[in-house]
Amino acid sequence: MASAASAPPSPNSLKRIVAASLIGTTIEWYDFFLYGSAAALVFNKLFFPDSDPLVGTLLSFLTYAVGFAARPLGALVFGHYGDRLGRKKLLVLSLLLMGGATFAIGLLPTHATVGTAAPVLLTVLRLVQGFALGGEWGGAVLLVSEHGDARRRGFWASWPQTGAPAGQLLATGVLSLLTAVLSDSAFNTWGWRIPFLLSGVLVIVGLWIRLSVDESPVFKQALAQAEARKAERGGAAEKLPLVSVLRHHWRDVLVAMGARMAENISYYVITAFILVYATTAADVTKQTALNAVLIASALHFAVIPMWGALSDRVGRRPVYLLGAAGVGLWMFPFFALVDTGDFGSLLLAVTVGLVFHGAMYAPQAAFFSEMFATRMRYSGASIGAQFASVAAGAPAPLIATALLDGTGTSTWISLYVIAAAVITLIAVGVAKETRHRDLAEVEEDADATDPAPARPADVHTI
């Protein structure tokens, strides 16, 4: 029997919660992806003008990767306080940090104005972006997962995941529009700033929606139980969420990290690196490449809830495994289609790649949420997801660009993504299916693993 905490909320309440999570993740991913697209298109010229074009792109992507380096720190800090104070407060803070940093990038002086201080300032703001995003994802998916109907958790929790393609769609759409209506000179001089400054307006809308929702009932129940147990132990404090995660759920953290490898690497190769590859190796115009990513992102948005709903029927693992295998098998056809230089072939390559990616990304929110107990769920899900991003998404455009520069061919880039797919297939293959778990009862599983439950001083209830 489902616990009271896991009883489904009213449809209107759930839709409002989904909307709050989705608008926030869309804005945060808009900010994050906007930087990635700008890094591929203009930052090499504006902030690293003394380098040759490909080296400048590498340096530009290096500042892009710095954002990933800050994500584990964001996961640790936001996870800790999110498990102690609640999901909602931390989600508001992450939105403010991300939006503020992005708006500030739009005001930055370039290398031509302040010299080497320009890339330094750019890197600092990118660190703030990464820190905020490291805390955003876990809170957004948990807010929905812990409110939602357990029977349809995969579907409802997949909606915050659509914030990634929605943000990509918004960022690419704004850039595509600007490059279409502005000359290259105007875009490089001032046009690139407009999408970053628009973030300020989006943040105001996101905050208004997020402040209107309530805290997760599962978290409230777990917090009340933890306070009661603390009183029974004479006020003894609980262990830090990070300690509890490493004690009870270290295998789940490793599974989550492995599951992220193919999902994260393939996404940034398909959406960020492709802007470099298509315009240099395949002689495709910047506008054509942006349009292909734009249309494919719209289809990506549409299929994610479908994959999430399918995971409610057949399980998280089968859908995830299908996506990982599909991405690996698609890489050689992907680059072969891009090499034709034909827009239709380019669009097909990116679309099929993102459809397979969606099969991993859609069930990921529910899958990771169901692995961890409530009082360590924010920390566990965030650590597993964001620590993996340092080894996966962060260096992916860098590695792909370096492989292209060193070999002049896409073969090794394909093998790189295939290797990541193999790691994900192994990680998800050895994981347990989670779709039938009641989030309020995962705590009991963790407590059962305590080696000394009979000793009150040692009992760690979560």
Protein backbone atom coordinates (compact mmCIF):
# COMPACT_ATOMS: atom_id res chain seq x y z
CA MET A 1 0.00 0.00 0.00
CA ALA A 2 1.30 3.43 -0.90
CA SER A 3 2.03 5.70 2.00
CA ALA A 4 0.11 8.83 2.58
CA ALA A 5 3.04 10.86 1.56
CA SER A 6 3.11 9.23 -1.83
CA ALA A 7 -0.63 9.65 -2.51
CA PRO A 8 -1.18 11.50 -5.76
CA PRO A 9 -1.89 15.24 -5.48
CA SER A 10 -4.76 16.92 -7.27
CA PRO A 11 -4.28 17.27 -11.06
CA ASN A 12 -4.14 21.07 -10.88
CA SER A 13 -1.60 21.01 -8.07
CA LEU A 14 0.61 18.55 -9.92
CA LYS A 15 0.46 20.56 -13.14
CA ARG A 16 1.50 23.68 -11.26
CA ILE A 17 4.44 21.82 -9.71
CA VAL A 18 5.48 20.43 -13.10
CA ALA A 19 5.23 23.91 -14.60
CA ALA A 20 7.39 25.37 -11.81
CA SER A 21 10.07 22.75 -12.35
CA LEU A 22 9.89 22.96 -16.15
CA ILE A 23 10.10 26.76 -16.40
CA GLY A 24 13.07 26.79 -14.05
CA THR A 25 14.99 24.04 -15.82
CA THR A 26 14.20 25.62 -19.19
CA ILE A 27 15.66 28.94 -18.09
CA GLU A 28 18.71 27.34 -16.50
CA TRP A 29 19.42 25.20 -19.55
CA TYR A 30 18.77 28.17 -21.83
CA ASP A 31 21.50 30.02 -19.96
CA PHE A 32 23.86 27.04 -20.00
CA PHE A 33 23.34 26.12 -23.65
CA LEU A 34 23.43 29.71 -24.79
CA TYR A 35 27.00 29.82 -23.57
CA GLY A 36 27.82 26.58 -25.40
CA SER A 37 26.45 27.85 -28.69
CA ALA A 38 28.18 31.21 -28.27
CA ALA A 39 31.43 29.39 -27.44
CA ALA A 40 31.23 27.58 -30.77
CA LEU A 41 30.21 30.63 -32.80
CA VAL A 42 31.69 33.88 -31.45
CA PHE A 43 33.57 33.60 -28.15
CA ASN A 44 36.71 32.33 -29.89
CA LYS A 45 36.87 35.63 -31.81
CA LEU A 46 35.79 37.95 -29.00
CA PHE A 47 37.71 36.54 -26.05
CA PHE A 48 40.59 34.57 -27.65
CA PRO A 49 41.41 36.57 -30.79
CA ASP A 50 45.17 35.92 -30.75
CA SER A 51 44.76 32.19 -31.42
CA ASP A 52 44.22 30.47 -34.75
CA PRO A 53 40.54 29.57 -35.34
CA LEU A 54 40.57 25.94 -34.16
CA VAL A 55 42.80 26.67 -31.14
CA GLY A 56 40.54 29.61 -30.31
CA THR A 57 37.58 27.24 -30.43
CA LEU A 58 39.40 24.84 -28.10
CA LEU A 59 40.06 27.66 -25.63
CA SER A 60 36.46 28.77 -25.91
CA PHE A 61 35.25 25.25 -25.17
CA LEU A 62 37.70 25.13 -22.24
CA THR A 63 35.80 27.96 -20.54
CA TYR A 64 32.66 26.01 -21.47
CA ALA A 65 34.06 22.96 -19.66
CA VAL A 66 34.88 25.04 -16.57
CA GLY A 67 31.13 25.30 -15.96
CA PHE A 68 30.99 21.54 -15.63
CA ALA A 69 33.87 21.55 -13.16
CA ALA A 70 31.77 23.68 -10.80
CA ARG A 71 28.71 21.43 -11.08
CA PRO A 72 29.89 18.80 -8.54
CA LEU A 73 30.48 21.57 -5.99
CA GLY A 74 26.97 22.84 -6.68
CA ALA A 75 25.66 19.29 -6.26
CA LEU A 76 27.36 18.94 -2.88
CA VAL A 77 26.27 22.32 -1.50
CA PHE A 78 22.74 22.36 -2.89
CA GLY A 79 22.27 18.67 -2.15
CA HIS A 80 23.30 19.13 1.48
CA TYR A 81 20.99 22.07 2.12
CA GLY A 82 18.24 20.68 -0.08
CA ASP A 83 18.15 17.54 2.08
CA ARG A 84 18.20 19.64 5.24
CA LEU A 85 16.02 22.64 4.37
CA GLY A 86 13.86 21.45 1.47
CA ARG A 87 13.82 21.44 -2.31
CA LYS A 88 11.95 24.69 -2.98
CA LYS A 89 14.30 27.16 -1.24
CA LEU A 90 17.35 25.85 -3.07
CA LEU A 91 15.60 25.90 -6.44
CA VAL A 92 14.85 29.60 -6.02
CA LEU A 93 18.50 30.29 -5.16
CA SER A 94 19.84 28.29 -8.11
CA LEU A 95 17.61 30.23 -10.52
CA LEU A 96 18.82 33.57 -9.17
CA LEU A 97 22.48 32.57 -9.43
CA MET A 98 22.20 31.21 -12.96
CA GLY A 99 20.16 34.12 -14.27
CA GLY A 100 22.41 36.71 -12.67
CA ALA A 101 25.58 35.18 -14.11
CA THR A 102 24.08 34.91 -17.58
CA PHE A 103 22.85 38.50 -17.55
CA ALA A 104 26.34 39.61 -16.46
CA ILE A 105 27.94 37.77 -19.41
CA GLY A 106 25.82 39.94 -21.69
CA LEU A 107 27.49 43.01 -20.17
CA LEU A 108 31.08 41.74 -20.32
CA PRO A 109 33.77 43.74 -22.11
CA THR A 110 35.64 41.75 -24.76
CA HIS A 111 39.36 41.12 -25.26
CA ALA A 112 39.58 44.16 -27.53
CA THR A 113 38.48 46.38 -24.63
CA VAL A 114 40.14 44.99 -21.49
CA GLY A 115 42.61 42.40 -22.81
CA THR A 116 43.21 39.20 -20.82
CA ALA A 117 40.80 40.31 -18.09
CA ALA A 118 37.93 39.50 -20.49
CA PRO A 119 38.42 35.70 -20.62
CA VAL A 120 39.12 35.69 -16.87
CA LEU A 121 35.80 37.39 -16.12
CA LEU A 122 34.06 35.08 -18.58
CA THR A 123 35.50 32.05 -16.79
CA VAL A 124 34.38 33.29 -13.36
CA LEU A 125 30.81 33.79 -14.55
CA ARG A 126 30.89 30.38 -16.19
CA LEU A 127 31.87 28.91 -12.81
CA VAL A 128 28.83 30.53 -11.22
CA GLN A 129 26.63 29.09 -13.97
CA GLY A 130 28.00 25.60 -13.39
CA PHE A 131 27.62 25.88 -9.61
CA ALA A 132 23.96 26.88 -9.98
CA LEU A 133 23.16 24.17 -12.53
CA GLY A 134 24.81 21.55 -10.32
CA GLY A 135 22.15 22.24 -7.71
CA GLU A 136 19.23 22.88 -10.05
CA TRP A 137 18.73 19.50 -11.66
CA GLY A 138 18.35 17.40 -8.52
CA GLY A 139 15.89 19.75 -6.86
CA ALA A 140 13.74 20.18 -9.97
CA VAL A 141 13.27 16.49 -10.68
CA LEU A 142 12.77 15.64 -7.00
CA LEU A 143 10.09 18.27 -6.55
CA VAL A 144 8.05 16.55 -9.27
CA SER A 145 9.01 12.97 -8.38
CA GLU A 146 8.09 13.41 -4.73
CA HIS A 147 4.74 15.05 -5.53
CA GLY A 148 3.72 12.83 -8.41
CA ASP A 149 1.59 9.73 -8.73
CA ALA A 150 3.90 6.74 -8.29
CA ARG A 151 2.20 4.87 -11.14
CA ARG A 152 3.07 7.65 -13.60
CA ARG A 153 6.25 8.95 -12.00
CA GLY A 154 8.35 8.29 -15.10
CA PHE A 155 6.01 10.43 -17.19
CA TRP A 156 5.64 13.34 -14.77
CA ALA A 157 9.31 13.40 -13.77
CA SER A 158 10.34 13.47 -17.41
CA TRP A 159 8.79 16.92 -17.85
CA PRO A 160 11.58 18.77 -16.00
CA GLN A 161 13.91 16.86 -18.33
CA THR A 162 12.25 18.56 -21.29
CA GLY A 163 13.75 21.75 -19.91
CA ALA A 164 17.02 20.74 -21.57
CA PRO A 165 15.70 20.60 -25.15
CA ALA A 166 13.38 23.54 -24.40
CA GLY A 167 16.37 25.57 -23.24
CA GLN A 168 18.38 24.38 -26.23
CA LEU A 169 15.45 25.26 -28.49
CA LEU A 170 15.13 28.71 -26.97
CA ALA A 171 18.86 29.45 -27.01
CA THR A 172 19.39 28.13 -30.54
CA GLY A 173 16.22 29.84 -31.76
CA VAL A 174 17.26 33.25 -30.46
CA LEU A 175 20.77 32.85 -31.90
CA SER A 176 19.41 31.59 -35.21
CA LEU A 177 17.04 34.56 -35.46
CA LEU A 178 19.79 37.04 -34.67
CA THR A 179 22.25 35.53 -37.15
CA ALA A 180 19.51 35.61 -39.80
CA VAL A 181 18.60 39.27 -39.36
CA LEU A 182 22.01 40.71 -38.43
CA SER A 183 25.19 40.89 -40.42
CA ASP A 184 28.18 38.95 -39.11
CA SER A 185 29.77 42.23 -38.09
CA ALA A 186 26.72 43.41 -36.14
CA PHE A 187 26.24 40.03 -34.48
CA ASN A 188 29.89 39.81 -33.40
CA THR A 189 29.91 43.41 -32.19
CA TRP A 190 26.70 43.61 -30.14
CA GLY A 191 24.07 41.14 -31.34
CA TRP A 192 25.47 38.22 -29.35
CA ARG A 193 24.72 40.11 -26.11
CA ILE A 194 20.95 40.19 -26.62
CA PRO A 195 20.22 36.51 -25.73
CA PHE A 196 22.26 36.80 -22.53
CA LEU A 197 20.46 39.97 -21.43
CA LEU A 198 17.07 38.35 -22.12
CA SER A 199 17.85 35.94 -19.28
CA GLY A 200 16.97 38.67 -16.78
CA VAL A 201 13.36 38.75 -18.00
CA LEU A 202 13.09 34.97 -18.01
CA VAL A 203 14.35 34.72 -14.42
CA ILE A 204 11.62 37.06 -13.18
CA VAL A 205 8.98 34.83 -14.78
CA GLY A 206 10.60 31.69 -13.36
CA LEU A 207 10.78 33.06 -9.83
CA TRP A 208 7.13 34.11 -9.89
CA ILE A 209 6.08 30.56 -10.79
CA ARG A 210 8.49 28.76 -8.46
CA LEU A 211 7.55 30.78 -5.40
CA SER A 212 3.91 29.71 -5.85
CA VAL A 213 4.44 25.97 -5.22
CA ASP A 214 4.63 24.06 -1.96
CA GLU A 215 7.40 21.88 -0.57
CA SER A 216 7.44 18.15 -1.35
CA PRO A 217 5.10 16.20 1.00
CA VAL A 218 7.51 13.25 1.02
CA PHE A 219 10.27 15.55 2.25
CA LYS A 220 8.01 17.11 4.89
CA GLN A 221 7.12 13.68 6.22
CA ALA A 222 10.74 12.54 6.27
CA LEU A 223 11.82 15.74 8.01
CA ALA A 224 9.16 15.31 10.70
CA GLN A 225 10.21 11.70 11.26
CA ALA A 226 13.87 12.72 11.45
CA GLU A 227 13.07 15.37 14.06
CA ALA A 228 11.14 12.83 16.10
CA ARG A 229 14.02 10.35 15.98
CA LYS A 230 16.45 13.12 16.90
CA ALA A 231 14.36 13.88 19.99
CA GLU A 232 14.32 10.20 20.94
CA ARG A 233 18.13 10.13 20.74
CA GLY A 234 18.42 13.10 23.07
CA GLY A 235 19.10 15.67 20.37
CA ALA A 236 21.90 13.76 18.60
CA ALA A 237 22.36 15.19 15.12
CA GLU A 238 21.96 13.17 11.94
CA LYS A 239 24.96 12.38 9.84
CA LEU A 240 25.63 14.65 6.88
CA PRO A 241 23.65 13.64 3.77
CA LEU A 242 26.91 13.07 1.89
CA VAL A 243 28.11 10.62 4.56
CA SER A 244 24.78 8.80 4.43
CA VAL A 245 24.90 8.59 0.63
CA LEU A 246 28.39 7.09 0.66
CA ARG A 247 27.41 4.68 3.43
CA HIS A 248 24.07 3.40 2.14
CA HIS A 249 24.00 4.22 -1.57
CA TRP A 250 27.55 4.23 -2.95
CA ARG A 251 26.64 1.54 -5.49
CA ASP A 252 23.71 3.64 -6.69
CA VAL A 253 26.02 6.65 -7.09
CA LEU A 254 28.32 4.57 -9.30
CA VAL A 255 25.37 3.31 -11.34
CA ALA A 256 24.12 6.86 -11.83
CA MET A 257 27.56 8.05 -12.91
CA GLY A 258 27.90 5.21 -15.39
CA ALA A 259 24.39 5.79 -16.70
CA ARG A 260 25.27 9.42 -17.40
CA MET A 261 28.29 8.69 -19.62
CA ALA A 262 26.55 7.93 -22.93
CA GLU A 263 23.68 10.32 -22.22
CA ASN A 264 25.93 13.29 -21.41
CA ILE A 265 28.69 12.76 -23.97
CA SER A 266 26.34 12.04 -26.88
CA TYR A 267 24.24 15.10 -26.16
CA TYR A 268 27.10 17.58 -26.27
CA VAL A 269 28.62 15.96 -29.35
CA ILE A 270 25.25 16.09 -31.14
CA THR A 271 24.24 19.63 -30.12
CA ALA A 272 27.43 21.61 -29.32
CA PHE A 273 30.33 20.00 -31.18
CA ILE A 274 28.22 19.55 -34.29
CA LEU A 275 28.21 23.35 -34.74
CA VAL A 276 32.00 23.19 -35.06
CA TYR A 277 32.16 20.00 -37.15
CA ALA A 278 29.41 20.97 -39.60
CA THR A 279 30.85 24.42 -40.27
CA THR A 280 34.50 23.33 -40.60
CA ALA A 281 34.70 19.72 -41.78
CA ALA A 282 31.40 19.53 -43.69
CA ASP A 283 31.41 23.10 -45.06
CA VAL A 284 27.89 23.81 -43.79
CA THR A 285 26.92 27.40 -43.01
CA LYS A 286 26.46 28.51 -39.43
CA GLN A 287 22.78 29.25 -40.07
CA THR A 288 22.15 25.79 -41.55
CA ALA A 289 23.73 24.02 -38.58
CA LEU A 290 21.77 26.12 -36.09
CA ASN A 291 18.50 25.44 -37.93
CA ALA A 292 19.10 21.68 -37.84
CA VAL A 293 19.73 21.72 -34.09
CA LEU A 294 16.70 23.97 -33.64
CA ILE A 295 14.25 21.65 -35.40
CA ALA A 296 15.74 18.51 -33.85
CA SER A 297 15.48 20.04 -30.37
CA ALA A 298 11.75 20.58 -30.89
CA LEU A 299 11.32 16.89 -31.70
CA HIS A 300 13.55 15.98 -28.76
CA PHE A 301 11.21 17.94 -26.49
CA ALA A 302 8.20 16.02 -27.85
CA VAL A 303 9.61 12.50 -27.44
CA ILE A 304 10.93 12.83 -23.86
CA PRO A 305 7.49 12.55 -22.16
CA MET A 306 6.70 9.60 -24.45
CA TRP A 307 9.83 7.78 -23.35
CA GLY A 308 9.01 8.66 -19.74
CA ALA A 309 5.51 7.18 -20.09
CA LEU A 310 6.97 4.04 -21.67
CA SER A 311 9.31 3.64 -18.68
CA ASP A 312 6.20 3.50 -16.45
CA ARG A 313 4.99 0.53 -18.47
CA VAL A 314 8.12 -1.52 -19.15
CA GLY A 315 10.58 -0.18 -16.59
CA ARG A 316 13.35 2.41 -16.41
CA ARG A 317 16.16 0.02 -17.39
CA PRO A 318 14.81 -1.29 -20.74
CA VAL A 319 14.13 2.21 -22.05
CA TYR A 320 17.50 3.49 -20.85
CA LEU A 321 19.35 0.53 -22.38
CA LEU A 322 17.59 1.07 -25.71
CA GLY A 323 18.76 4.67 -25.77
CA ALA A 324 22.35 3.83 -24.93
CA ALA A 325 22.56 1.10 -27.57
CA GLY A 326 20.87 3.33 -30.13
CA VAL A 327 23.26 6.23 -29.61
CA GLY A 328 26.27 3.96 -29.93
CA LEU A 329 25.04 2.34 -33.12
CA TRP A 330 24.04 5.68 -34.66
CA MET A 331 27.39 7.47 -34.43
CA PHE A 332 28.96 6.27 -37.70
CA PRO A 333 25.76 6.95 -39.70
CA PHE A 334 25.47 10.27 -37.87
CA PHE A 335 28.76 11.66 -39.16
CA ALA A 336 28.28 10.09 -42.60
CA LEU A 337 25.03 12.03 -42.96
CA VAL A 338 26.58 15.28 -41.71
CA ASP A 339 29.49 14.88 -44.17
CA THR A 340 27.08 15.09 -47.11
CA GLY A 341 26.57 18.78 -46.37
CA ASP A 342 22.89 18.37 -47.19
CA PHE A 343 20.44 20.03 -44.78
CA GLY A 344 17.98 17.13 -44.83
CA SER A 345 20.73 14.64 -44.02
CA LEU A 346 22.08 16.89 -41.26
CA LEU A 347 18.61 17.24 -39.76
CA LEU A 348 18.06 13.47 -39.88
CA ALA A 349 21.42 12.84 -38.20
CA VAL A 350 20.75 15.21 -35.30
CA THR A 351 17.09 14.21 -34.88
CA VAL A 352 17.68 10.46 -34.66
CA GLY A 353 20.60 11.04 -32.28
CA LEU A 354 18.43 13.17 -29.98
CA VAL A 355 15.54 10.67 -30.09
CA PHE A 356 17.89 7.96 -28.81
CA HIS A 357 19.29 10.40 -26.28
CA GLY A 358 15.74 11.07 -25.05
CA ALA A 359 15.31 7.37 -24.28
CA MET A 360 18.09 7.77 -21.69
CA TYR A 361 17.25 11.25 -20.49
CA ALA A 362 13.50 10.74 -19.98
CA PRO A 363 13.57 7.91 -17.39
CA GLN A 364 16.70 9.30 -15.75
CA ALA A 365 14.82 11.64 -13.40
CA ALA A 366 12.58 8.94 -11.92
CA PHE A 367 15.33 6.30 -12.07
CA PHE A 368 17.82 8.35 -10.04
CA SER A 369 15.14 9.62 -7.62
CA GLU A 370 14.02 6.07 -6.86
CA MET A 371 17.54 4.97 -5.96
CA PHE A 372 17.94 7.14 -2.85
CA ALA A 373 16.22 7.67 0.50
CA THR A 374 14.38 10.93 1.05
CA ARG A 375 16.78 12.60 3.49
CA MET A 376 19.73 11.96 1.17
CA ARG A 377 17.91 11.95 -2.18
CA TYR A 378 18.86 15.48 -3.25
CA SER A 379 22.52 14.77 -2.43
CA GLY A 380 22.58 11.28 -3.94
CA ALA A 381 20.85 12.12 -7.22
CA SER A 382 22.84 15.34 -7.64
CA ILE A 383 26.21 13.77 -6.82
CA GLY A 384 25.65 10.84 -9.17
CA ALA A 385 24.51 13.09 -12.00
CA GLN A 386 26.90 16.01 -11.64
CA PHE A 387 30.14 14.22 -10.77
CA ALA A 388 29.68 12.20 -13.94
CA SER A 389 29.29 15.39 -15.96
CA VAL A 390 32.91 16.33 -15.19
CA ALA A 391 34.16 13.22 -16.97
CA ALA A 392 31.40 13.13 -19.58
CA GLY A 393 29.82 16.35 -20.84
CA ALA A 394 32.56 18.74 -19.73
CA PRO A 395 35.38 17.42 -21.93
CA ALA A 396 33.16 16.04 -24.71
CA PRO A 397 33.37 19.07 -27.07
CA LEU A 398 37.06 19.48 -26.17
CA ILE A 399 37.89 15.83 -26.84
CA ALA A 400 35.83 15.77 -30.04
CA THR A 401 37.48 18.97 -31.32
CA ALA A 402 40.95 17.68 -30.42
CA LEU A 403 40.25 14.36 -32.17
CA LEU A 404 39.09 16.19 -35.27
CA ASP A 405 42.15 18.45 -35.20
CA GLY A 406 44.54 15.54 -34.67
CA THR A 407 43.09 13.02 -37.11
CA GLY A 408 41.07 15.08 -39.58
CA THR A 409 38.33 12.44 -39.46
CA SER A 410 35.20 11.70 -37.41
CA THR A 411 36.07 8.01 -36.93
CA TRP A 412 37.69 8.45 -33.53
CA ILE A 413 34.89 10.73 -32.38
CA SER A 414 32.40 7.96 -33.19
CA LEU A 415 34.50 5.42 -31.29
CA TYR A 416 34.65 7.84 -28.34
CA VAL A 417 30.84 7.98 -28.11
CA ILE A 418 30.56 4.21 -28.63
CA ALA A 419 32.92 3.62 -25.69
CA ALA A 420 30.70 5.83 -23.52
CA ALA A 421 27.66 3.82 -24.66
CA VAL A 422 29.32 0.58 -23.58
CA ILE A 423 29.99 2.01 -20.09
CA THR A 424 26.34 3.04 -19.78
CA LEU A 425 25.08 -0.34 -20.98
CA ILE A 426 27.16 -2.05 -18.29
CA ALA A 427 26.12 0.36 -15.51
CA VAL A 428 22.39 0.22 -16.25
CA GLY A 429 22.58 -3.50 -17.00
CA VAL A 430 23.75 -4.33 -13.48
CA ALA A 431 21.33 -1.89 -11.79
CA LYS A 432 18.08 -2.93 -10.16
CA GLU A 433 14.74 -1.93 -11.65
CA THR A 434 13.16 0.84 -9.56
CA ARG A 435 9.81 1.75 -11.11
CA HIS A 436 7.69 0.05 -8.42
CA ARG A 437 9.41 1.74 -5.47
CA ASP A 438 7.49 4.00 -3.12
CA LEU A 439 9.72 7.01 -2.51
CA ALA A 440 8.59 7.29 1.11
CA GLU A 441 9.61 3.67 1.76
CA VAL A 442 13.10 3.71 0.25
CA GLU A 443 14.23 4.93 3.66
CA GLU A 444 13.33 1.58 5.19
CA ASP A 445 15.63 -0.18 2.75
CA ALA A 446 18.51 2.09 3.76
CA ASP A 447 17.82 1.60 7.46
CA ALA A 448 17.85 -2.14 6.96
CA THR A 449 21.43 -1.95 5.79
CA ASP A 450 22.62 -0.35 9.02
CA PRO A 451 25.03 -2.87 10.56
CA ALA A 452 23.99 -2.11 14.12
CA PRO A 453 20.28 -1.20 14.26
CA ALA A 454 19.88 -2.21 17.88
CA ARG A 455 22.29 0.41 19.22
CA PRO A 456 20.46 3.75 19.53
CA ALA A 457 23.67 5.76 19.40
CA ASP A 458 24.62 4.19 16.08
CA VAL A 459 21.27 4.15 14.39
CA HIS A 460 21.23 6.47 11.40
CA THR A 461 17.70 7.01 10.25
CA ILE A 462 17.21 9.14 7.23
